[in-house]
């Protein structure tokens, strides 16, 4: 059996990546997208689905309803979006 890896330094991860203004804005856009889909009745809490941005945020996409769709968690997180 493999030895457990060292503990993650969450504080450092936040300082180096998650806390950056660009990432905070992206997280806000993802939350906004989820709220849009919930309001339209396409998503519910605990449904096991992710909101997929057809044109990704990092490629200039927005959280407009026409750019959103629901996908399974596995499919959305496995897709390569460039």
C-alpha atoms as a PDB file:
ATOM      1  CA  UNK A   1       0.000   0.000   0.000  1.00  0.00           C
ATOM      2  CA  UNK A   2       1.290   3.462  -0.891  1.00  0.00           C
ATOM      3  CA  UNK A   3       2.364   5.880   1.793  1.00  0.00           C
ATOM      4  CA  UNK A   4       0.009   8.832   2.316  1.00  0.00           C
ATOM      5  CA  UNK A   5       1.285  11.986   0.655  1.00  0.00           C
ATOM      6  CA  UNK A   6       2.115  15.065   2.666  1.00  0.00           C
ATOM      7  CA  UNK A   7      -0.719  17.260   3.880  1.00  0.00           C
ATOM      8  CA  UNK A   8      -2.060  19.919   1.527  1.00  0.00           C
ATOM      9  CA  UNK A   9      -1.337  23.511   2.432  1.00  0.00           C
ATOM     10  CA  UNK A  10      -4.745  25.034   1.779  1.00  0.00           C
ATOM     11  CA  UNK A  11      -3.707  28.482   2.969  1.00  0.00           C
ATOM     12  CA  UNK A  12      -0.867  28.552   0.420  1.00  0.00           C
ATOM     13  CA  UNK A  13      -3.159  27.260  -2.358  1.00  0.00           C
ATOM     14  CA  UNK A  14      -5.638  30.037  -1.614  1.00  0.00           C
ATOM     15  CA  UNK A  15      -2.917  32.706  -1.575  1.00  0.00           C
ATOM     16  CA  UNK A  16      -1.295  31.427  -4.781  1.00  0.00           C
ATOM     17  CA  UNK A  17      -4.404  30.719  -6.846  1.00  0.00           C
ATOM     18  CA  UNK A  18      -7.929  30.734  -5.420  1.00  0.00           C
ATOM     19  CA  UNK A  19      -7.664  34.171  -3.819  1.00  0.00           C
ATOM     20  CA  UNK A  20      -6.506  35.984  -6.956  1.00  0.00           C
ATOM     21  CA  UNK A  21      -9.022  38.576  -8.215  1.00  0.00           C
ATOM     22  CA  UNK A  22      -9.405  36.828 -11.572  1.00  0.00           C
ATOM     23  CA  UNK A  23     -10.278  33.511  -9.893  1.00  0.00           C
ATOM     24  CA  UNK A  24     -12.690  35.192  -7.477  1.00  0.00           C
ATOM     25  CA  UNK A  25     -14.460  36.784 -10.477  1.00  0.00           C
ATOM     26  CA  UNK A  26     -14.594  33.425 -12.295  1.00  0.00           C
ATOM     27  CA  UNK A  27     -16.105  31.758  -9.241  1.00  0.00           C
ATOM     28  CA  UNK A  28     -18.727  34.519  -9.128  1.00  0.00           C
ATOM     29  CA  UNK A  29     -19.590  33.864 -12.787  1.00  0.00           C
ATOM     30  CA  UNK A  30     -19.965  30.129 -12.131  1.00  0.00           C
ATOM     31  CA  UNK A  31     -22.312  30.817  -9.211  1.00  0.00           C
ATOM     32  CA  UNK A  32     -24.286  33.267 -11.366  1.00  0.00           C
ATOM     33  CA  UNK A  33     -24.602  30.634 -14.110  1.00  0.00           C
ATOM     34  CA  UNK A  34     -25.933  28.063 -11.638  1.00  0.00           C
ATOM     35  CA  UNK A  35     -28.521  30.554 -10.331  1.00  0.00           C
ATOM     36  CA  UNK A  36     -29.682  31.286 -13.896  1.00  0.00           C
ATOM     37  CA  UNK A  37     -30.189  27.576 -14.593  1.00  0.00           C
ATOM     38  CA  UNK A  38     -31.979  27.038 -11.258  1.00  0.00           C
ATOM     39  CA  UNK A  39     -34.310  29.954 -11.960  1.00  0.00           C
ATOM     40  CA  UNK A  40     -35.194  28.520 -15.388  1.00  0.00           C
ATOM     41  CA  UNK A  41     -35.950  25.131 -13.790  1.00  0.00           C
ATOM     42  CA  UNK A  42     -33.147  23.249 -15.545  1.00  0.00           C
ATOM     43  CA  UNK A  43     -31.128  22.696 -12.361  1.00  0.00           C
ATOM     44  CA  UNK A  44     -31.969  21.837  -8.784  1.00  0.00           C
ATOM     45  CA  UNK A  45     -29.841  21.554  -5.707  1.00  0.00           C
ATOM     46  CA  UNK A  46     -28.280  18.104  -5.428  1.00  0.00           C
ATOM     47  CA  UNK A  47     -29.166  17.040  -8.973  1.00  0.00           C
ATOM     48  CA  UNK A  48     -25.639  15.763  -9.711  1.00  0.00           C
ATOM     49  CA  UNK A  49     -25.259  18.013 -12.741  1.00  0.00           C
ATOM     50  CA  UNK A  50     -22.840  20.798 -13.598  1.00  0.00           C
ATOM     51  CA  UNK A  51     -23.571  23.945 -15.538  1.00  0.00           C
ATOM     52  CA  UNK A  52     -21.405  23.872 -18.655  1.00  0.00           C
ATOM     53  CA  UNK A  53     -20.350  27.070 -20.395  1.00  0.00           C
ATOM     54  CA  UNK A  54     -20.420  26.160 -24.093  1.00  0.00           C
ATOM     55  CA  UNK A  55     -17.812  28.858 -24.763  1.00  0.00           C
ATOM     56  CA  UNK A  56     -15.633  28.746 -21.618  1.00  0.00           C
ATOM     57  CA  UNK A  57     -15.166  31.809 -19.445  1.00  0.00           C
ATOM     58  CA  UNK A  58     -11.399  31.712 -20.019  1.00  0.00           C
ATOM     59  CA  UNK A  59     -12.035  31.954 -23.783  1.00  0.00           C
ATOM     60  CA  UNK A  60     -14.252  35.004 -23.519  1.00  0.00           C
ATOM     61  CA  UNK A  61     -17.543  33.213 -22.859  1.00  0.00           C
ATOM     62  CA  UNK A  62     -20.229  34.658 -20.621  1.00  0.00           C
ATOM     63  CA  UNK A  63     -22.913  33.382 -18.289  1.00  0.00           C
ATOM     64  CA  UNK A  64     -25.662  34.339 -20.724  1.00  0.00           C
ATOM     65  CA  UNK A  65     -28.431  31.732 -20.911  1.00  0.00           C
ATOM     66  CA  UNK A  66     -27.575  30.912 -24.542  1.00  0.00           C
ATOM     67  CA  UNK A  67     -24.060  29.904 -23.499  1.00  0.00           C
ATOM     68  CA  UNK A  68     -25.161  27.523 -20.730  1.00  0.00           C
ATOM     69  CA  UNK A  69     -26.232  23.889 -20.674  1.00  0.00           C
ATOM     70  CA  UNK A  70     -26.502  21.162 -18.065  1.00  0.00           C
ATOM     71  CA  UNK A  71     -24.106  18.196 -18.184  1.00  0.00           C
ATOM     72  CA  UNK A  72     -23.173  15.362 -15.892  1.00  0.00           C
ATOM     73  CA  UNK A  73     -20.326  16.131 -13.528  1.00  0.00           C
ATOM     74  CA  UNK A  74     -18.100  13.486 -15.134  1.00  0.00           C
ATOM     75  CA  UNK A  75     -18.666  14.738 -18.668  1.00  0.00           C
ATOM     76  CA  UNK A  76     -18.284  18.428 -17.851  1.00  0.00           C
ATOM     77  CA  UNK A  77     -15.097  18.059 -15.832  1.00  0.00           C
ATOM     78  CA  UNK A  78     -13.482  15.591 -18.225  1.00  0.00           C
ATOM     79  CA  UNK A  79     -13.936  17.716 -21.336  1.00  0.00           C
ATOM     80  CA  UNK A  80     -10.944  19.611 -22.639  1.00  0.00           C
ATOM     81  CA  UNK A  81     -11.920  23.199 -23.378  1.00  0.00           C
ATOM     82  CA  UNK A  82      -9.415  25.296 -25.190  1.00  0.00           C
END
